[in-house]
């Protein structure tokens, strides 16, 4: 059976997939817990999260150029640090992003339908996008372009209204500024950035990967940094830190400050499209990491199959879709942002450590960026809410135990 993927993604496709991975439900939801933790200090939190994301992105970019295959940091950790490091990264990514996928599906449904049918609609969205992914990566890139365009239109509406209108609550003081609060806000806001290296997990499908992947990662992250900064300033101007901290749908509230219904509908549609775009990219990215782990025996080899016609890891993606649907049914995933950030920060910690071991001829950026990224990831993990840390440690430990048992059984 064919097990190689086809190189069909251009630089434009790769940038769009990176944008779709980042400009998701996070930007429509992460500002609320960030403002609750840091008040107006969420701008500082955004800067910290953005800087750490940049450090992580540069490490991921130069690693992807050296190892242009599916799996991202799972592969980098294995190649540079050893099999256990690779498994640790891959498991952290799969667990964190699976939970985040369920949260994205629920966000999509919450913005569009009444509470009574949120979960059935969320499940339907996961089923539909899983099918789209199994029909080929070029279809994934095409749909992502459409969803990203809708999302950017909605965010443009938010920025324009936010900078020109304000409510009485905008003058109400938010939580006090503290270092711990700003770091926790950074941890929450990192959730909205996570995804910039998603194209690296699809390295086996990118045209001229050594050149395309690093450029795509940096371009996509740069665009998102500018967009998020504008949205944050606009939201603070319109409803203030206290309003952000209290709102379930902060950007919709910013749009509502215009006093007319049209902008609110546009933002509602944009939030739904953003959640779908992020969910679509996540299914693709997790599927490729699952494929890589299955190829190396860290997941059942059954998941390593590539569809003979569409050339995608269809078994891994179908299994992922089923697990995400199950999570939607059994939980509301409150705290999914913190839990997802926990797993993804650990994933990028391994990426930074891996980048530190690269030789000079493969290094594209100063080593200090990898050091700063690794330290930043650890600091943000420690700053997350305690329940997110406890749950994350438990699930990562379960994965480590699974691999240890499998190795013992394999050795007979």
Protein backbone atom coordinates (compact mmCIF):
# COMPACT_ATOMS: atom_id res chain seq x y z
CA UNK A 1 0.00 0.00 0.00
CA UNK A 2 1.26 3.52 -0.87
CA UNK A 3 2.51 5.33 2.25
CA UNK A 4 3.98 8.53 0.81
CA UNK A 5 2.09 11.82 0.54
CA UNK A 6 2.03 14.07 -2.54
CA UNK A 7 3.82 17.46 -2.69
CA UNK A 8 1.03 19.80 -3.82
CA UNK A 9 1.10 22.79 -1.44
CA UNK A 10 2.65 26.04 -2.73
CA UNK A 11 3.95 28.93 -0.60
CA UNK A 12 0.55 30.63 -0.82
CA UNK A 13 -1.24 27.44 0.24
CA UNK A 14 1.17 26.96 3.16
CA UNK A 15 0.73 30.57 4.37
CA UNK A 16 -3.05 30.25 4.21
CA UNK A 17 -3.01 26.99 6.16
CA UNK A 18 -0.84 28.69 8.79
CA UNK A 19 -3.26 31.63 8.95
CA UNK A 20 -6.24 29.31 9.17
CA UNK A 21 -4.59 27.46 12.03
CA UNK A 22 -4.02 30.67 14.02
CA UNK A 23 -6.92 32.95 13.11
CA UNK A 24 -9.44 30.60 14.63
CA UNK A 25 -11.81 30.64 17.53
CA UNK A 26 -8.93 31.66 19.80
CA UNK A 27 -8.98 35.31 18.75
CA UNK A 28 -12.73 35.39 19.36
CA UNK A 29 -12.51 33.81 22.82
CA UNK A 30 -9.02 34.03 24.35
CA UNK A 31 -9.24 37.75 25.16
CA UNK A 32 -11.86 37.07 27.86
CA UNK A 33 -9.73 34.87 30.18
CA UNK A 34 -6.68 36.99 29.36
CA UNK A 35 -8.44 40.19 30.43
CA UNK A 36 -9.78 38.46 33.55
CA UNK A 37 -6.20 37.56 34.49
CA UNK A 38 -4.41 40.77 33.54
CA UNK A 39 -6.90 43.52 32.77
CA UNK A 40 -5.33 46.11 30.48
CA UNK A 41 -2.10 44.16 30.94
CA UNK A 42 -3.39 41.73 28.32
CA UNK A 43 -1.50 43.88 25.79
CA UNK A 44 1.71 43.01 27.62
CA UNK A 45 0.54 39.40 27.72
CA UNK A 46 -0.07 39.52 23.97
CA UNK A 47 3.44 40.86 23.37
CA UNK A 48 4.96 38.10 25.51
CA UNK A 49 2.91 35.39 23.82
CA UNK A 50 3.79 36.81 20.41
CA UNK A 51 7.51 36.89 21.20
CA UNK A 52 7.52 33.31 22.46
CA UNK A 53 5.51 32.27 19.42
CA UNK A 54 8.11 33.95 17.20
CA UNK A 55 10.95 32.10 18.95
CA UNK A 56 9.08 28.82 18.59
CA UNK A 57 8.33 29.59 14.94
CA UNK A 58 11.97 30.21 14.05
CA UNK A 59 12.99 26.93 15.69
CA UNK A 60 10.21 25.08 13.89
CA UNK A 61 11.10 26.72 10.58
CA UNK A 62 14.76 25.73 10.57
CA UNK A 63 13.95 22.22 11.77
CA UNK A 64 11.32 21.83 9.05
CA UNK A 65 13.88 22.86 6.44
CA UNK A 66 16.22 20.08 7.60
CA UNK A 67 13.46 17.47 8.05
CA UNK A 68 10.77 18.16 5.41
CA UNK A 69 8.49 15.25 6.28
CA UNK A 70 5.17 14.77 8.07
CA UNK A 71 5.10 14.87 11.85
CA UNK A 72 6.62 18.22 12.86
CA UNK A 73 8.30 18.25 16.27
CA UNK A 74 7.54 14.57 16.77
CA UNK A 75 10.11 13.89 14.05
CA UNK A 76 12.48 16.66 15.14
CA UNK A 77 12.55 15.36 18.71
CA UNK A 78 13.23 11.81 17.55
CA UNK A 79 16.00 12.85 15.18
CA UNK A 80 17.75 15.40 17.39
CA UNK A 81 17.09 14.19 20.95
CA UNK A 82 15.88 10.59 20.90
CA UNK A 83 12.73 8.52 20.56
CA UNK A 84 11.28 9.38 23.98
CA UNK A 85 11.56 13.11 23.32
CA UNK A 86 9.80 12.63 20.01
CA UNK A 87 7.00 10.67 21.61
CA UNK A 88 6.64 13.28 24.35
CA UNK A 89 6.24 16.01 21.73
CA UNK A 90 3.90 14.04 19.50
CA UNK A 91 1.67 12.88 22.34
CA UNK A 92 1.46 16.40 23.81
CA UNK A 93 0.48 17.76 20.39
CA UNK A 94 -2.15 15.12 19.66
CA UNK A 95 -3.78 15.36 23.08
CA UNK A 96 -3.78 19.15 23.27
CA UNK A 97 -5.02 19.67 19.74
CA UNK A 98 -7.68 16.97 19.96
CA UNK A 99 -9.22 18.76 22.93
CA UNK A 100 -8.82 22.07 21.12
CA UNK A 101 -10.58 20.64 18.05
CA UNK A 102 -13.60 19.81 20.14
CA UNK A 103 -13.55 23.32 21.60
CA UNK A 104 -13.43 24.83 18.10
CA UNK A 105 -16.42 22.76 16.99
CA UNK A 106 -18.39 23.84 20.05
CA UNK A 107 -17.43 27.48 19.45
CA UNK A 108 -18.66 27.26 15.86
CA UNK A 109 -22.02 25.86 16.95
CA UNK A 110 -22.40 28.27 19.89
CA UNK A 111 -22.17 31.27 17.58
CA UNK A 112 -24.78 29.97 15.14
CA UNK A 113 -27.46 27.91 16.87
CA UNK A 114 -29.47 27.80 20.14
CA UNK A 115 -27.94 26.07 23.15
CA UNK A 116 -30.27 23.07 22.82
CA UNK A 117 -28.66 21.94 19.55
CA UNK A 118 -25.07 23.11 20.01
CA UNK A 119 -23.60 19.64 20.50
CA UNK A 120 -25.38 17.94 17.56
CA UNK A 121 -24.34 20.76 15.24
CA UNK A 122 -20.78 20.63 16.57
CA UNK A 123 -20.63 16.90 15.87
CA UNK A 124 -22.02 17.48 12.37
CA UNK A 125 -19.30 20.08 11.72
CA UNK A 126 -16.56 17.64 12.77
CA UNK A 127 -17.98 14.91 10.54
CA UNK A 128 -18.19 17.25 7.55
CA UNK A 129 -14.67 18.64 7.90
CA UNK A 130 -13.19 15.21 8.51
CA UNK A 131 -14.69 14.13 5.19
CA UNK A 132 -13.26 17.24 3.47
CA UNK A 133 -9.79 16.40 4.80
CA UNK A 134 -9.97 12.82 3.58
CA UNK A 135 -10.76 14.05 0.03
CA UNK A 136 -7.32 15.56 -0.42
CA UNK A 137 -5.00 18.30 0.86
CA UNK A 138 -5.69 20.69 -2.02
CA UNK A 139 -9.34 20.76 -1.05
CA UNK A 140 -8.26 21.50 2.52
CA UNK A 141 -6.19 24.49 1.33
CA UNK A 142 -9.02 25.81 -0.88
CA UNK A 143 -11.63 25.72 1.88
CA UNK A 144 -9.17 27.25 4.33
CA UNK A 145 -8.67 30.22 1.96
CA UNK A 146 -12.41 30.90 1.98
CA UNK A 147 -12.73 30.62 5.75
CA UNK A 148 -9.69 32.82 6.42
CA UNK A 149 -11.10 35.53 4.12
CA UNK A 150 -14.41 35.55 6.00
CA UNK A 151 -12.60 35.69 9.35
CA UNK A 152 -10.41 38.62 8.29
CA UNK A 153 -13.45 40.57 7.11
CA UNK A 154 -15.08 40.07 10.51
CA UNK A 155 -11.94 41.15 12.36
CA UNK A 156 -11.69 44.24 10.15
CA UNK A 157 -15.23 45.15 11.21
CA UNK A 158 -14.22 44.70 14.87
CA UNK A 159 -11.15 46.92 14.48
CA UNK A 160 -13.00 49.72 12.66
CA UNK A 161 -15.90 49.77 15.13
CA UNK A 162 -13.67 49.26 18.17
CA UNK A 163 -11.45 52.20 17.33
CA UNK A 164 -14.36 54.55 16.57
CA UNK A 165 -16.92 53.59 19.23
CA UNK A 166 -16.93 52.91 22.94
CA UNK A 167 -19.42 52.02 25.65
CA UNK A 168 -19.68 53.46 29.17
CA UNK A 169 -18.09 50.25 30.48
CA UNK A 170 -14.89 51.08 28.61
CA UNK A 171 -13.93 53.43 31.44
CA UNK A 172 -14.43 50.79 34.16
CA UNK A 173 -11.12 49.58 35.57
CA UNK A 174 -10.25 45.94 35.10
CA UNK A 175 -8.28 43.59 37.35
CA UNK A 176 -5.06 44.99 38.86
CA UNK A 177 -1.83 44.61 36.94
CA UNK A 178 0.42 41.86 38.30
CA UNK A 179 3.33 39.93 36.81
CA UNK A 180 1.60 36.60 37.45
CA UNK A 181 -1.60 37.89 35.85
CA UNK A 182 0.19 39.04 32.72
CA UNK A 183 2.03 35.72 32.43
CA UNK A 184 -1.21 33.81 32.81
CA UNK A 185 -2.77 36.04 30.16
CA UNK A 186 0.16 35.15 27.91
CA UNK A 187 -0.59 31.47 28.45
CA UNK A 188 -4.22 31.97 27.43
CA UNK A 189 -3.32 34.15 24.45
CA UNK A 190 -0.76 31.60 23.27
CA UNK A 191 -3.80 29.44 22.48
CA UNK A 192 -4.74 32.00 19.83
CA UNK A 193 -1.27 31.82 18.26
CA UNK A 194 -0.76 28.06 18.36
CA UNK A 195 -0.85 26.80 14.81
CA UNK A 196 1.88 28.83 13.13
CA UNK A 197 3.95 25.69 12.61
CA UNK A 198 1.02 23.57 11.44
CA UNK A 199 2.44 23.64 7.95
CA UNK A 200 5.59 21.98 9.31
CA UNK A 201 3.53 18.91 10.23
CA UNK A 202 2.55 18.77 6.54
CA UNK A 203 6.15 19.02 5.32
CA UNK A 204 5.79 15.97 3.11
CA UNK A 205 3.14 17.73 1.03
CA UNK A 206 4.85 21.11 0.50
CA UNK A 207 6.57 22.00 -2.77
CA UNK A 208 10.28 22.86 -2.26
CA UNK A 209 9.91 22.42 1.53
CA UNK A 210 13.39 23.63 2.55
CA UNK A 211 12.55 27.06 1.11
CA UNK A 212 8.76 27.16 1.39
CA UNK A 213 8.18 26.03 4.98
CA UNK A 214 10.41 28.57 6.80
CA UNK A 215 9.03 31.44 4.71
CA UNK A 216 5.43 30.36 5.18
CA UNK A 217 5.76 30.07 8.96
CA UNK A 218 7.34 33.51 9.43
CA UNK A 219 4.97 35.25 6.99
CA UNK A 220 1.85 33.73 8.57
CA UNK A 221 2.97 34.56 12.11
CA UNK A 222 3.85 38.14 11.15
CA UNK A 223 0.41 38.73 9.64
CA UNK A 224 -1.34 37.31 12.69
CA UNK A 225 0.73 39.37 15.14
CA UNK A 226 -0.40 42.57 13.41
CA UNK A 227 -4.04 41.45 13.25
CA UNK A 228 -4.17 40.45 16.93
CA UNK A 229 -2.54 43.67 18.10
CA UNK A 230 -5.10 45.76 16.20
CA UNK A 231 -8.00 43.68 17.52
CA UNK A 232 -6.75 43.91 21.12
CA UNK A 233 -6.35 47.69 21.02
CA UNK A 234 -9.78 48.08 19.40
CA UNK A 235 -11.48 45.84 21.96
CA UNK A 236 -9.91 47.65 24.91
CA UNK A 237 -10.96 51.00 23.46
CA UNK A 238 -14.54 49.86 22.85
CA UNK A 239 -15.47 47.95 26.01
CA UNK A 240 -12.44 48.22 28.30
CA UNK A 241 -10.62 45.49 30.24
CA UNK A 242 -13.56 44.93 32.62
CA UNK A 243 -15.94 44.50 29.69
CA UNK A 244 -13.56 42.06 28.03
CA UNK A 245 -13.18 40.05 31.21
CA UNK A 246 -16.94 39.72 31.70
CA UNK A 247 -18.02 38.94 28.14
CA UNK A 248 -18.60 35.45 26.72
CA UNK A 249 -18.31 36.82 23.17
CA UNK A 250 -16.10 39.91 23.51
CA UNK A 251 -15.68 40.74 19.83
CA UNK A 252 -19.40 40.44 19.22
CA UNK A 253 -19.87 42.94 22.05
CA UNK A 254 -17.38 45.27 20.39
CA UNK A 255 -19.39 45.07 17.17
CA UNK A 256 -22.60 45.73 19.12
CA UNK A 257 -21.17 49.03 20.36
CA UNK A 258 -21.96 50.43 16.91
CA UNK A 259 -25.65 50.31 17.84
CA UNK A 260 -26.79 48.59 14.63
CA UNK A 261 -27.39 44.86 13.97
CA UNK A 262 -25.34 44.39 10.79
CA UNK A 263 -21.81 44.37 12.26
CA UNK A 264 -22.86 41.90 14.94
CA UNK A 265 -24.01 39.42 12.31
CA UNK A 266 -20.76 39.81 10.37
CA UNK A 267 -18.70 39.09 13.49
CA UNK A 268 -20.94 36.14 14.36
CA UNK A 269 -20.39 34.70 10.89
CA UNK A 270 -16.68 35.44 11.08
CA UNK A 271 -16.30 33.68 14.43
CA UNK A 272 -18.06 30.62 13.05
CA UNK A 273 -15.88 30.64 9.93
CA UNK A 274 -12.72 31.10 12.00
CA UNK A 275 -13.62 28.15 14.22
CA UNK A 276 -14.26 26.01 11.14
CA UNK A 277 -10.96 27.10 9.57
CA UNK A 278 -9.00 26.24 12.70
CA UNK A 279 -10.83 22.92 13.08
CA UNK A 280 -10.13 22.03 9.45
CA UNK A 281 -6.41 22.76 9.81
CA UNK A 282 -6.21 20.94 13.14
CA UNK A 283 -7.69 17.75 11.72
CA UNK A 284 -5.11 17.90 8.92
CA UNK A 285 -2.20 18.61 11.29
CA UNK A 286 -3.10 16.04 13.93
CA UNK A 287 -3.70 13.47 11.21
CA UNK A 288 -0.16 13.98 9.88
CA UNK A 289 1.37 13.72 13.36
CA UNK A 290 -0.63 10.53 13.93
CA UNK A 291 0.68 9.23 10.60
CA UNK A 292 4.27 9.92 11.63
CA UNK A 293 3.81 8.31 15.06
CA UNK A 294 2.22 5.23 13.47
CA UNK A 295 5.12 4.92 11.00
CA UNK A 296 7.52 4.72 13.95
CA UNK A 297 5.40 2.37 16.05
CA UNK A 298 4.28 4.93 18.67
CA UNK A 299 0.69 4.47 17.51
CA UNK A 300 -0.80 1.33 15.91
CA UNK A 301 0.62 0.82 12.41
CA UNK A 302 -2.96 0.69 11.08
CA UNK A 303 -2.99 4.51 11.24
CA UNK A 304 -0.05 4.80 8.81
CA UNK A 305 -2.19 4.03 5.74
CA UNK A 306 -2.37 6.70 3.02
CA UNK A 307 -5.40 6.73 0.72
CA UNK A 308 -4.36 5.42 -2.72
CA UNK A 309 -6.31 8.12 -4.60
CA UNK A 310 -6.42 11.19 -2.35
CA UNK A 311 -2.99 10.59 -0.77
CA UNK A 312 -3.97 11.59 2.77
CA UNK A 313 -3.68 9.67 6.09
CA UNK A 314 -7.39 8.87 6.03
CA UNK A 315 -7.46 6.29 8.82
CA UNK A 316 -5.72 8.63 11.27
CA UNK A 317 -8.09 11.46 10.32
CA UNK A 318 -11.23 9.32 10.57
CA UNK A 319 -10.16 8.03 13.99
CA UNK A 320 -9.41 11.57 15.13
CA UNK A 321 -12.84 12.75 13.96
CA UNK A 322 -14.49 9.98 15.97
CA UNK A 323 -12.57 10.90 19.15
CA UNK A 324 -13.38 14.61 18.77
CA UNK A 325 -17.08 13.77 18.33
CA UNK A 326 -16.95 11.69 21.50
CA UNK A 327 -15.36 14.55 23.44
CA UNK A 328 -18.07 16.93 22.25
CA UNK A 329 -20.77 14.56 23.49
CA UNK A 330 -19.31 13.85 26.93
CA UNK A 331 -17.93 17.23 27.97
CA UNK A 332 -18.38 20.97 27.58
CA UNK A 333 -14.58 21.42 27.63
CA UNK A 334 -14.49 24.46 29.92
CA UNK A 335 -10.82 25.06 30.43
CA UNK A 336 -10.03 23.65 26.99
CA UNK A 337 -7.95 26.75 26.27
CA UNK A 338 -5.69 26.16 29.26
CA UNK A 339 -5.46 22.41 28.63
CA UNK A 340 -4.66 22.92 24.96
CA UNK A 341 -2.01 25.54 25.76
CA UNK A 342 -0.40 23.11 28.22
CA UNK A 343 0.06 20.42 25.59
CA UNK A 344 1.13 22.73 22.78
CA UNK A 345 3.65 24.63 24.92
CA UNK A 346 5.31 21.32 25.81
CA UNK A 347 5.37 20.45 22.11
CA UNK A 348 7.18 23.67 21.25
CA UNK A 349 9.53 23.28 24.21
CA UNK A 350 10.82 20.12 22.52
CA UNK A 351 11.08 22.02 19.21
CA UNK A 352 13.29 24.67 20.79
CA UNK A 353 15.52 22.14 22.52
CA UNK A 354 15.81 20.23 19.24
CA UNK A 355 16.80 23.40 17.39
CA UNK A 356 19.57 24.02 19.90
CA UNK A 357 21.26 20.80 18.78
CA UNK A 358 21.34 21.70 15.07
CA UNK A 359 24.72 22.28 13.48
CA UNK A 360 25.71 25.64 12.07
CA UNK A 361 24.99 24.75 8.44
CA UNK A 362 21.32 24.06 9.32
CA UNK A 363 20.84 27.03 11.64
CA UNK A 364 18.97 29.97 10.11
CA UNK A 365 18.42 32.00 13.30
CA UNK A 366 20.49 32.87 16.40
CA UNK A 367 20.59 30.17 19.12
CA UNK A 368 19.38 32.71 21.68
CA UNK A 369 15.92 32.60 20.10
CA UNK A 370 15.67 28.85 20.74
CA UNK A 371 16.84 29.37 24.33
CA UNK A 372 14.28 32.14 24.86
CA UNK A 373 11.56 29.99 23.31
CA UNK A 374 12.31 26.99 25.53
CA UNK A 375 12.42 29.08 28.71
CA UNK A 376 9.28 30.97 27.68
CA UNK A 377 7.34 27.76 27.12
CA UNK A 378 8.21 26.49 30.60
CA UNK A 379 7.29 29.81 32.21
CA UNK A 380 3.91 29.97 30.47
CA UNK A 381 3.10 26.37 31.38
CA UNK A 382 3.82 27.14 35.04
CA UNK A 383 1.61 30.25 34.85
CA UNK A 384 -1.49 28.38 33.60
CA UNK A 385 -4.38 27.71 36.00
CA UNK A 386 -3.72 24.76 38.33
CA UNK A 387 -6.57 22.56 36.97
CA UNK A 388 -5.11 22.83 33.46
CA UNK A 389 -1.67 21.85 34.74
CA UNK A 390 -2.99 18.88 36.76
CA UNK A 391 -5.09 17.56 33.86
CA UNK A 392 -2.22 18.03 31.42
CA UNK A 393 0.29 16.23 33.62
CA UNK A 394 -2.14 13.32 34.09
CA UNK A 395 -2.78 12.84 30.37
CA UNK A 396 0.88 13.17 29.40
CA UNK A 397 1.79 10.65 32.11
CA UNK A 398 -0.83 8.25 30.73
CA UNK A 399 0.80 8.48 27.31
CA UNK A 400 4.26 7.85 28.72
CA UNK A 401 2.93 4.81 30.60
CA UNK A 402 1.32 3.49 27.40
CA UNK A 403 4.58 3.68 25.48
CA UNK A 404 6.58 2.13 28.32
CA UNK A 405 4.17 -0.82 28.49
CA UNK A 406 4.22 -1.24 24.70
CA UNK A 407 8.02 -1.35 24.68
CA UNK A 408 8.07 -3.94 27.45
CA UNK A 409 5.53 -6.11 25.60
CA UNK A 410 7.43 -5.75 22.32
CA UNK A 411 10.63 -6.97 23.96
CA UNK A 412 8.78 -10.05 25.12
